[in-house]
Protein backbone atom coordinates (compact mmCIF):
# COMPACT_ATOMS: atom_id res chain seq x y z
CA UNK A 1 105.17 12.99 -186.29
CA UNK A 2 105.47 10.68 -189.30
CA UNK A 3 102.82 8.75 -191.20
CA UNK A 4 104.82 5.51 -191.18
CA UNK A 5 103.92 4.48 -187.60
CA UNK A 6 100.28 5.48 -188.11
CA UNK A 7 99.97 3.49 -191.35
CA UNK A 8 101.56 0.47 -189.72
CA UNK A 9 99.25 0.69 -186.68
CA UNK A 10 96.13 1.10 -188.82
CA UNK A 11 96.65 -1.72 -191.32
CA UNK A 12 99.60 -3.96 -190.44
CA UNK A 13 99.99 -4.19 -186.65
CA UNK A 14 99.21 -7.71 -185.31
CA UNK A 15 96.64 -6.52 -182.79
CA UNK A 16 94.05 -8.79 -181.21
CA UNK A 17 90.98 -6.55 -181.28
CA UNK A 18 89.74 -3.05 -181.99
CA UNK A 19 90.63 -1.82 -178.51
CA UNK A 20 94.30 -2.67 -179.00
CA UNK A 21 94.31 -0.99 -182.41
CA UNK A 22 92.71 2.18 -180.99
CA UNK A 23 95.20 2.31 -178.11
CA UNK A 24 98.16 1.67 -180.45
CA UNK A 25 97.00 4.43 -182.81
CA UNK A 26 96.60 6.81 -179.87
CA UNK A 27 100.21 6.07 -178.88
CA UNK A 28 101.88 6.46 -182.28
CA UNK A 29 99.90 9.63 -183.04
CA UNK A 30 102.04 11.46 -180.44
CA UNK A 31 105.30 9.55 -180.97
CA UNK A 32 108.42 10.04 -183.07
CA UNK A 33 108.86 9.14 -186.71
CA UNK A 34 110.47 5.78 -185.84
CA UNK A 35 107.99 4.68 -183.16
CA UNK A 36 109.99 5.93 -180.18
CA UNK A 37 108.90 8.29 -177.37
CA UNK A 38 105.25 7.21 -177.45
CA UNK A 39 104.16 8.30 -173.99
CA UNK A 40 100.61 9.13 -172.97
CA UNK A 41 98.93 8.49 -169.64
CA UNK A 42 96.48 5.62 -169.36
CA UNK A 43 93.71 8.12 -168.67
CA UNK A 44 94.44 9.97 -171.91
CA UNK A 45 94.69 6.70 -173.85
CA UNK A 46 91.35 5.62 -172.38
CA UNK A 47 89.74 8.91 -173.38
CA UNK A 48 91.06 8.75 -176.95
CA UNK A 49 90.38 5.03 -177.45
CA UNK A 50 87.00 5.13 -175.64
CA UNK A 51 88.00 2.45 -173.12
CA UNK A 52 88.55 2.24 -169.38
CA UNK A 53 91.95 3.38 -167.98
CA UNK A 54 92.53 -0.08 -166.54
CA UNK A 55 91.75 -1.59 -169.92
CA UNK A 56 94.27 0.75 -171.54
CA UNK A 57 96.99 -0.34 -169.11
CA UNK A 58 96.13 -4.01 -169.49
CA UNK A 59 96.16 -3.81 -173.30
CA UNK A 60 99.54 -2.05 -173.27
CA UNK A 61 101.01 -4.76 -171.06
CA UNK A 62 99.58 -7.48 -173.29
CA UNK A 63 101.09 -5.84 -176.38
CA UNK A 64 104.37 -5.60 -174.47
CA UNK A 65 104.27 -9.36 -173.85
CA UNK A 66 103.75 -9.93 -177.59
CA UNK A 67 106.72 -7.58 -178.33
CA UNK A 68 104.60 -5.00 -180.13
CA UNK A 69 105.60 -2.46 -177.48
CA UNK A 70 108.82 -2.12 -175.51
CA UNK A 71 109.59 0.09 -172.54
CA UNK A 72 112.04 2.74 -173.71
CA UNK A 73 115.08 3.45 -171.50
CA UNK A 74 117.39 5.35 -173.89
CA UNK A 75 117.07 8.41 -176.13
CA UNK A 76 114.15 9.74 -174.08
CA UNK A 77 112.43 12.91 -175.21
CA UNK A 78 113.19 16.20 -173.49
CA UNK A 79 109.46 16.72 -173.06
CA UNK A 80 109.21 13.47 -171.09
CA UNK A 81 112.22 14.40 -168.94
CA UNK A 82 110.57 17.72 -168.02
CA UNK A 83 107.52 15.91 -166.61
CA UNK A 84 107.62 15.48 -162.79
CA UNK A 85 108.69 12.02 -161.69
CA UNK A 86 105.37 11.27 -160.01
CA UNK A 87 103.43 12.11 -163.18
CA UNK A 88 105.60 10.53 -165.87
CA UNK A 89 103.77 7.99 -168.05
CA UNK A 90 105.47 4.88 -169.39
CA UNK A 91 107.60 5.73 -172.45
CA UNK A 92 106.82 3.09 -175.09
CA UNK A 93 108.75 2.21 -178.23
CA UNK A 94 106.53 0.78 -180.96
CA UNK A 95 108.48 -2.12 -182.49
CA UNK A 96 107.72 -1.59 -186.17
CA UNK A 97 109.57 -4.43 -187.98
CA UNK A 98 112.43 -3.44 -190.25
CA UNK A 99 111.03 -5.70 -192.96
CA UNK A 100 107.86 -3.59 -193.14
CA UNK A 101 109.72 -0.59 -194.58
CA UNK A 102 110.77 -0.43 -198.20
CA UNK A 103 114.52 0.03 -198.81
CA UNK A 104 114.05 3.75 -199.51
CA UNK A 105 111.85 4.24 -196.45
CA UNK A 106 114.26 2.34 -194.22
CA UNK A 107 117.18 4.45 -195.49
CA UNK A 108 115.21 7.62 -194.79
CA UNK A 109 114.30 6.53 -191.25
CA UNK A 110 117.86 5.41 -190.46
CA UNK A 111 119.28 8.68 -191.79
CA UNK A 112 117.10 10.63 -189.38
CA UNK A 113 117.93 8.26 -186.51
CA UNK A 114 121.68 8.62 -187.07
CA UNK A 115 121.34 12.41 -187.10
CA UNK A 116 119.71 12.15 -183.65
CA UNK A 117 122.37 9.81 -182.28
CA UNK A 118 120.17 6.71 -182.41
CA UNK A 119 121.29 3.33 -183.78
CA UNK A 120 119.86 2.35 -187.17
CA UNK A 121 116.87 0.06 -187.52
CA UNK A 122 117.94 -3.47 -188.50
CA UNK A 123 116.18 -6.85 -188.64
CA UNK A 124 118.02 -7.73 -185.43
CA UNK A 125 116.82 -4.70 -183.45
CA UNK A 126 113.36 -4.70 -185.04
CA UNK A 127 112.51 -8.34 -185.86
CA UNK A 128 109.27 -9.55 -187.39
CA UNK A 129 106.33 -9.86 -185.02
CA UNK A 130 104.19 -12.98 -184.55
CA UNK A 131 100.58 -13.00 -185.61
CA UNK A 132 97.95 -11.91 -183.14
CA UNK A 133 96.49 -14.73 -181.04
CA UNK A 134 92.97 -15.76 -182.06
CA UNK A 135 90.06 -14.42 -180.08
CA UNK A 136 88.42 -16.83 -177.68
CA UNK A 137 85.22 -18.37 -179.02
CA UNK A 138 82.17 -17.95 -176.86
CA UNK A 139 80.99 -21.12 -175.19
CA UNK A 140 77.37 -20.48 -176.23
CA UNK A 141 78.17 -19.78 -179.89
CA UNK A 142 75.61 -21.43 -182.16
CA UNK A 143 73.17 -22.04 -179.32
CA UNK A 144 69.74 -20.51 -179.68
CA UNK A 145 68.85 -18.15 -176.90
CA UNK A 146 65.96 -19.57 -174.81
CA UNK A 147 62.80 -17.52 -174.62
CA UNK A 148 61.45 -16.28 -171.34
CA UNK A 149 58.32 -17.98 -170.02
CA UNK A 150 56.32 -14.76 -170.15
CA UNK A 151 57.76 -13.33 -173.35
CA UNK A 152 54.63 -13.99 -175.45
CA UNK A 153 52.02 -13.24 -172.75
CA UNK A 154 49.33 -10.74 -173.59
CA UNK A 155 49.07 -7.53 -171.57
CA UNK A 156 47.00 -7.95 -168.44
CA UNK A 157 46.87 -11.74 -168.66
CA UNK A 158 48.92 -14.61 -167.38
CA UNK A 159 49.69 -17.93 -168.89
CA UNK A 160 47.22 -20.71 -168.03
CA UNK A 161 50.17 -22.60 -166.54
CA UNK A 162 50.12 -20.25 -163.51
CA UNK A 163 48.14 -21.96 -160.78
CA UNK A 164 47.54 -21.52 -157.12
CA UNK A 165 45.03 -18.69 -157.15
CA UNK A 166 47.48 -15.80 -157.31
CA UNK A 167 45.91 -12.40 -157.93
CA UNK A 168 45.58 -11.42 -161.58
CA UNK A 169 43.38 -12.11 -164.58
CA UNK A 170 43.20 -15.17 -166.74
CA UNK A 171 42.09 -15.62 -170.31
CA UNK A 172 41.63 -19.39 -170.67
CA UNK A 173 41.72 -20.78 -174.17
CA UNK A 174 38.65 -22.70 -175.36
CA UNK A 175 38.82 -26.45 -175.45
CA UNK A 176 37.92 -26.69 -179.14
CA UNK A 177 37.00 -24.52 -182.04
CA UNK A 178 33.24 -24.85 -181.39
CA UNK A 179 33.37 -23.67 -177.80
CA UNK A 180 31.92 -20.20 -177.25
CA UNK A 181 34.43 -17.46 -176.60
CA UNK A 182 35.02 -16.82 -172.94
CA UNK A 183 35.63 -13.48 -171.35
CA UNK A 184 38.15 -12.44 -168.79
CA UNK A 185 37.69 -13.91 -165.36
CA UNK A 186 38.63 -11.65 -162.47
CA UNK A 187 39.34 -13.83 -159.47
CA UNK A 188 39.32 -12.44 -155.96
CA UNK A 189 42.66 -11.43 -154.48
CA UNK A 190 44.48 -14.22 -152.74
CA UNK A 191 44.91 -14.18 -148.99
CA UNK A 192 48.61 -14.86 -149.39
CA UNK A 193 50.82 -11.98 -150.55
CA UNK A 194 52.52 -11.96 -153.92
CA UNK A 195 55.84 -13.75 -154.15
CA UNK A 196 57.55 -10.59 -155.39
CA UNK A 197 57.53 -7.68 -152.89
CA UNK A 198 55.79 -4.51 -153.90
CA UNK A 199 58.94 -2.53 -153.07
CA UNK A 200 60.53 -3.67 -156.31
CA UNK A 201 60.23 -0.83 -158.77
CA UNK A 202 58.52 -1.91 -162.01
CA UNK A 203 60.92 0.24 -164.00
CA UNK A 204 63.76 -2.02 -162.86
CA UNK A 205 62.02 -5.15 -164.16
CA UNK A 206 60.73 -6.24 -167.52
CA UNK A 207 57.26 -5.26 -168.67
CA UNK A 208 56.15 -8.89 -168.61
CA UNK A 209 57.12 -9.16 -164.94
CA UNK A 210 55.09 -6.06 -164.14
CA UNK A 211 52.00 -7.43 -165.87
CA UNK A 212 52.33 -10.81 -164.23
CA UNK A 213 52.70 -9.57 -160.65
CA UNK A 214 51.02 -6.20 -160.33
CA UNK A 215 48.24 -5.88 -162.87
CA UNK A 216 45.86 -8.28 -161.17
CA UNK A 217 45.74 -6.42 -157.87
CA UNK A 218 45.39 -3.06 -159.56
CA UNK A 219 42.48 -4.13 -161.76
CA UNK A 220 40.80 -6.01 -158.96
CA UNK A 221 40.68 -2.76 -157.03
CA UNK A 222 39.53 -0.76 -160.03
CA UNK A 223 42.84 1.01 -160.58
CA UNK A 224 45.85 0.68 -162.83
CA UNK A 225 49.24 -0.88 -162.27
CA UNK A 226 51.44 1.15 -159.94
CA UNK A 227 54.67 2.62 -161.19
CA UNK A 228 57.82 3.53 -159.27
CA UNK A 229 58.38 7.04 -158.04
CA UNK A 230 62.16 6.68 -158.40
CA UNK A 231 63.45 8.16 -161.65
CA UNK A 232 65.61 5.93 -163.80
CA UNK A 233 69.32 6.51 -164.30
CA UNK A 234 70.50 8.49 -167.26
CA UNK A 235 72.96 7.09 -169.74
CA UNK A 236 75.78 9.13 -168.24
CA UNK A 237 74.98 7.85 -164.76
CA UNK A 238 74.95 4.24 -165.97
CA UNK A 239 78.33 4.72 -167.62
CA UNK A 240 79.69 6.22 -164.39
CA UNK A 241 78.41 3.27 -162.36
CA UNK A 242 79.96 0.81 -164.84
CA UNK A 243 83.28 2.67 -164.68
CA UNK A 244 83.31 2.48 -160.88
CA UNK A 245 82.43 -1.21 -161.04
CA UNK A 246 85.31 -1.82 -163.44
CA UNK A 247 87.66 -0.24 -160.89
CA UNK A 248 86.83 -2.88 -158.27
CA UNK A 249 89.48 -5.58 -157.74
CA UNK A 250 88.96 -8.52 -160.04
CA UNK A 251 88.64 -11.16 -157.27
CA UNK A 252 85.98 -9.13 -155.47
CA UNK A 253 84.16 -8.27 -158.71
CA UNK A 254 83.91 -11.97 -159.54
CA UNK A 255 81.99 -12.54 -156.29
CA UNK A 256 79.32 -9.94 -157.07
CA UNK A 257 76.02 -11.05 -158.63
CA UNK A 258 76.50 -10.93 -162.37
CA UNK A 259 80.03 -9.56 -161.78
CA UNK A 260 78.70 -6.02 -161.50
CA UNK A 261 77.34 -3.66 -158.88
CA UNK A 262 73.71 -4.55 -158.08
CA UNK A 263 71.03 -2.09 -159.13
CA UNK A 264 69.98 -1.43 -155.54
CA UNK A 265 73.42 0.05 -154.88
CA UNK A 266 73.62 2.35 -157.90
CA UNK A 267 72.38 5.34 -155.89
CA UNK A 268 75.08 4.79 -153.30
CA UNK A 269 77.70 4.75 -156.06
CA UNK A 270 76.33 7.99 -157.49
CA UNK A 271 76.40 9.51 -153.99
CA UNK A 272 80.11 8.65 -153.78
CA UNK A 273 80.60 10.44 -157.12
CA UNK A 274 78.97 13.66 -155.90
CA UNK A 275 82.23 15.05 -154.50
CA UNK A 276 84.76 12.91 -156.40
CA UNK A 277 85.61 12.06 -159.97
CA UNK A 278 85.64 8.53 -161.30
CA UNK A 279 89.43 8.51 -161.22
CA UNK A 280 89.47 9.62 -157.58
CA UNK A 281 86.97 6.91 -156.60
CA UNK A 282 89.07 4.33 -158.47
CA UNK A 283 92.16 5.49 -156.56
CA UNK A 284 90.16 5.27 -153.32
CA UNK A 285 89.19 1.67 -154.12
CA UNK A 286 92.77 0.64 -154.87
CA UNK A 287 94.09 2.32 -151.73
CA UNK A 288 91.48 0.89 -149.37
CA UNK A 289 91.77 -2.60 -150.85
CA UNK A 290 95.34 -2.77 -149.59
CA UNK A 291 95.50 -0.26 -146.72
CA UNK A 292 92.31 -1.38 -145.01
CA UNK A 293 93.24 -5.06 -145.16
CA UNK A 294 90.56 -6.19 -147.61
CA UNK A 295 93.03 -8.06 -149.82
CA UNK A 296 94.41 -10.46 -147.17
CA UNK A 297 90.95 -10.81 -145.61
CA UNK A 298 89.50 -11.80 -149.00
CA UNK A 299 92.16 -14.41 -149.67
CA UNK A 300 91.72 -15.77 -146.12
CA UNK A 301 87.99 -16.14 -146.66
CA UNK A 302 87.04 -13.62 -143.96
CA UNK A 303 84.84 -11.47 -146.22
CA UNK A 304 81.38 -13.03 -146.24
CA UNK A 305 79.47 -10.19 -147.90
CA UNK A 306 81.06 -9.20 -151.20
CA UNK A 307 78.50 -6.42 -151.84
CA UNK A 308 79.15 -4.85 -148.44
CA UNK A 309 82.90 -4.97 -149.00
CA UNK A 310 82.51 -3.37 -152.43
CA UNK A 311 80.38 -0.54 -151.03
CA UNK A 312 82.88 -0.01 -148.20
CA UNK A 313 85.59 0.46 -150.84
CA UNK A 314 83.46 2.88 -152.86
CA UNK A 315 81.66 4.95 -150.22
CA UNK A 316 82.92 8.28 -148.90
CA UNK A 317 84.87 8.50 -145.65
CA UNK A 318 82.31 7.22 -143.12
CA UNK A 319 83.77 8.74 -139.99
CA UNK A 320 84.34 12.38 -141.05
CA UNK A 321 81.67 14.97 -141.91
CA UNK A 322 84.04 17.03 -144.07
CA UNK A 323 83.41 16.15 -147.75
CA UNK A 324 86.99 17.14 -148.60
CA UNK A 325 88.39 14.48 -146.26
CA UNK A 326 89.70 11.39 -148.02
CA UNK A 327 90.43 8.81 -145.32
CA UNK A 328 92.05 11.38 -143.04
CA UNK A 329 93.77 13.45 -145.75
CA UNK A 330 92.38 16.58 -147.39
CA UNK A 331 91.95 15.80 -151.06
CA UNK A 332 92.73 19.35 -152.22
CA UNK A 333 95.81 20.13 -150.08
CA UNK A 334 97.14 16.74 -149.03
CA UNK A 335 97.30 17.84 -145.38
CA UNK A 336 95.91 15.83 -142.48
CA UNK A 337 92.24 16.38 -141.70
CA UNK A 338 91.92 18.27 -138.41
CA UNK A 339 88.61 16.63 -137.55
CA UNK A 340 90.09 13.17 -137.99
CA UNK A 341 93.17 14.08 -135.94
CA UNK A 342 91.00 15.32 -133.07
CA UNK A 343 88.75 12.30 -133.37
CA UNK A 344 91.66 9.86 -133.16
CA UNK A 345 93.04 11.71 -130.13
CA UNK A 346 89.66 11.57 -128.39
CA UNK A 347 89.25 7.89 -129.14
CA UNK A 348 92.74 7.12 -127.85
CA UNK A 349 92.08 9.11 -124.67
CA UNK A 350 88.78 7.31 -124.13
CA UNK A 351 90.45 3.96 -124.59
CA UNK A 352 93.20 4.88 -122.11
CA UNK A 353 90.49 5.76 -119.57
CA UNK A 354 89.11 2.26 -119.90
CA UNK A 355 86.19 3.24 -122.10
CA UNK A 356 85.53 1.29 -125.28
CA UNK A 357 85.08 3.88 -128.05
CA UNK A 358 83.73 1.31 -130.48
CA UNK A 359 80.07 1.45 -131.25
CA UNK A 360 77.51 -0.83 -129.68
CA UNK A 361 76.48 -3.97 -131.50
CA UNK A 362 72.95 -2.70 -132.09
CA UNK A 363 74.01 0.34 -134.09
CA UNK A 364 73.78 -0.14 -137.84
CA UNK A 365 77.47 0.21 -138.65
CA UNK A 366 79.13 -2.04 -141.23
CA UNK A 367 82.11 -2.88 -138.99
CA UNK A 368 83.77 -1.67 -135.80
CA UNK A 369 86.54 0.82 -136.34
CA UNK A 370 90.15 1.00 -135.26
CA UNK A 371 90.54 3.15 -132.15
CA UNK A 372 93.79 4.61 -133.48
CA UNK A 373 93.21 5.45 -137.15
CA UNK A 374 89.41 5.15 -137.21
CA UNK A 375 89.32 2.84 -140.22
CA UNK A 376 86.85 -0.08 -140.27
CA UNK A 377 88.20 -3.35 -138.93
CA UNK A 378 88.17 -6.26 -141.36
CA UNK A 379 87.66 -9.80 -140.09
CA UNK A 380 87.93 -10.57 -136.38
CA UNK A 381 88.01 -7.74 -133.84
CA UNK A 382 91.34 -7.68 -131.93
CA UNK A 383 91.37 -7.25 -128.17
CA UNK A 384 93.28 -3.97 -128.24
CA UNK A 385 90.85 -2.43 -130.75
CA UNK A 386 93.55 -1.51 -133.29
CA UNK A 387 93.96 -2.70 -136.86
CA UNK A 388 96.95 -4.65 -138.12
CA UNK A 389 98.49 -1.57 -139.73
CA UNK A 390 98.43 0.38 -136.46
CA UNK A 391 99.83 -2.60 -134.54
CA UNK A 392 102.67 -3.04 -137.01
CA UNK A 393 103.39 0.69 -137.33
CA UNK A 394 105.64 0.94 -134.18
CA UNK A 395 107.72 -2.04 -135.23
CA UNK A 396 108.04 -0.68 -138.75
CA UNK A 397 108.98 2.76 -137.41
CA UNK A 398 111.58 1.27 -135.05
CA UNK A 399 113.06 -0.80 -137.85
CA UNK A 400 113.19 2.25 -140.10
CA UNK A 401 114.83 4.27 -137.30
CA UNK A 402 117.43 1.56 -136.71
CA UNK A 403 118.13 1.36 -140.41
CA UNK A 404 118.55 5.13 -140.55
CA UNK A 405 120.91 5.09 -137.57
CA UNK A 406 122.96 2.30 -139.10
CA UNK A 407 123.11 4.22 -142.36
CA UNK A 408 124.21 7.35 -140.50
CA UNK A 409 126.90 5.38 -138.60
CA UNK A 410 128.12 3.86 -141.83
CA UNK A 411 128.19 7.27 -143.51
CA UNK A 412 130.01 8.75 -140.51
CA UNK A 413 132.60 5.95 -140.53
CA UNK A 414 133.06 6.36 -144.25
CA UNK A 415 133.53 10.12 -143.86
CA UNK A 416 136.07 9.57 -141.07
CA UNK A 417 137.99 7.07 -143.19
CA UNK A 418 138.01 9.53 -146.08
CA UNK A 419 139.26 12.30 -143.78
CA UNK A 420 142.07 10.08 -142.46
CA UNK A 421 143.03 9.13 -145.98
CA UNK A 422 143.07 12.80 -146.99
CA UNK A 423 145.28 13.67 -143.96
CA UNK A 424 147.69 10.87 -144.79
CA UNK A 425 147.92 12.04 -148.38
CA UNK A 426 148.52 15.65 -147.29
CA UNK A 427 151.33 14.55 -144.93
CA UNK A 428 152.90 12.40 -147.61
CA UNK A 429 152.68 15.27 -150.07
CA UNK A 430 154.30 17.69 -147.57
CA UNK A 431 157.12 15.22 -146.81
CA UNK A 432 157.76 14.73 -150.51
CA UNK A 433 157.89 18.48 -151.07
CA UNK A 434 160.31 18.94 -148.13
CA UNK A 435 162.57 16.19 -149.46
CA UNK A 436 162.44 17.72 -152.90
CA UNK A 437 163.34 21.16 -151.49
CA UNK A 438 166.30 19.68 -149.56
CA UNK A 439 167.57 17.99 -152.70
CA UNK A 440 167.27 21.24 -154.63
CA UNK A 441 169.18 23.13 -151.90
CA UNK A 442 171.93 20.51 -151.92
CA UNK A 443 172.25 20.79 -155.68
CA UNK A 444 172.43 24.58 -155.45
CA UNK A 445 175.16 24.45 -152.76
CA UNK A 446 177.14 21.98 -154.81
CA UNK A 447 176.80 24.13 -157.93
CA UNK A 448 177.95 27.23 -156.01
CA UNK A 449 180.99 25.37 -154.64
CA UNK A 450 181.94 24.15 -158.09
CA UNK A 451 181.55 27.65 -159.55
CA UNK A 452 183.73 29.11 -156.75
CA UNK A 453 186.41 26.49 -157.39
CA UNK A 454 186.44 27.21 -161.12
CA UNK A 455 186.73 30.95 -160.42
CA UNK A 456 189.72 30.42 -158.13
CA UNK A 457 191.44 28.26 -160.71
CA UNK A 458 190.93 30.93 -163.36
CA UNK A 459 192.28 33.65 -161.07
CA UNK A 460 195.28 31.54 -160.15
CA UNK A 461 196.00 30.99 -163.80
CA UNK A 462 195.41 34.50 -165.13
CA UNK A 463 196.21 36.80 -162.16
CA UNK A 464 198.11 34.99 -159.41
CA UNK A 465 198.74 38.29 -157.55
CA UNK A 466 195.03 38.65 -156.99
CA UNK A 467 194.93 35.23 -155.45
CA UNK A 468 197.67 36.18 -153.02
CA UNK A 469 195.84 39.40 -152.22
CA UNK A 470 192.58 37.57 -151.62
CA UNK A 471 194.31 35.15 -149.29
CA UNK A 472 195.92 38.06 -147.37
CA UNK A 473 192.54 39.77 -147.10
CA UNK A 474 190.96 36.61 -145.76
CA UNK A 475 193.68 36.26 -143.13
CA UNK A 476 193.39 39.90 -141.98
CA UNK A 477 189.67 39.50 -141.23
CA UNK A 478 186.63 41.38 -142.43
CA UNK A 479 186.87 44.99 -143.58
CA UNK A 480 186.38 47.71 -140.93
CA UNK A 481 183.36 49.14 -142.68
């Protein structure tokens, strides 16, 4: 690790906000001296920078668009290569401009890069970066925040503007300064119920709302204002609920009231977090949004209850009693859930017998379920009782099988062609060797004949009597022994 990337990220990087600076510093803190091999998972970046994992990924992609970061494809670290493929984070190269270094610093960095087999840093490979885009100005900037109607009301009283005889106490103001002071008037309770139901917990509303709606009835009966028996959420629980809400798809989140999970559903979110971590629930939301058909149904306008769809994405597997089951797969082993397998088989058998395994309309179930996979049906209910994924699965499987067969046939034909080519080359090589051997034998026979002729000439010249003897011996035939 070198201080150059850290100093540049702290003081000179053209970041847009503090979140980008924190994420950039978290990257360069574990990178190389020249800004390369900066790889940390989005979860780790979120933990270090105190942001959401999705925010960390989004900020990295935005900095990539502004050329602050670049995806590294060469000179990857051995540590990164040893990480399993399914767990490898994105290797980033922090594009520190060459002009930021002093001549001595640039020479030092390039010397180390050349020793590692990397090209030197130049103004062409590390150009200057544009300034950060300005932050968007709030539309209500400079506008005074309006006060609530009951913000200045005294405890136990309502504003004189409230009319209609609703239960509560009134403290009317005197008409002039000489009028005698008037006491509190306690009117009788109204025959009509309060506009706000009593089921609303006072702890979930403002104190002024509690005084305006509940204090009158309590004092009229000689008691005090009722308080909720439900305990409030802790800070950690609120942060967990906000993290789960941030994991919802953006289009669906925009349809929720206030673009967040309503307070009445916070307990359901915490129940989903009893057996899962926030990351696991976020993965569940992303998987169900696509696999269960929520995404096309949302864009087609078939989802009429955004809160119900959000809770269906967040809640635990509704059709399996095993807490370790995650939509038919055991979360700890990755194997198929036996209960879900048996349940699907029973539902399929019941459907084949002519029985409709779907629940009756009067049962309080969010949606009917697919008779094959057991997942809730989104949108209209098909006649065969199966979801789009189960209907398309045979065609997809057949297409995959055909593609595999075609690939096998092509591989087999290629192997046969290679074998024929190898046989042809072996035959050609054998023929060439045979021809070469015949040529060598011919040359040897010719050389032997020439040597024999030279020997005869020498004998005829030096010892002619031996030549006559050899001719007589040849005429008499082979020796008797």
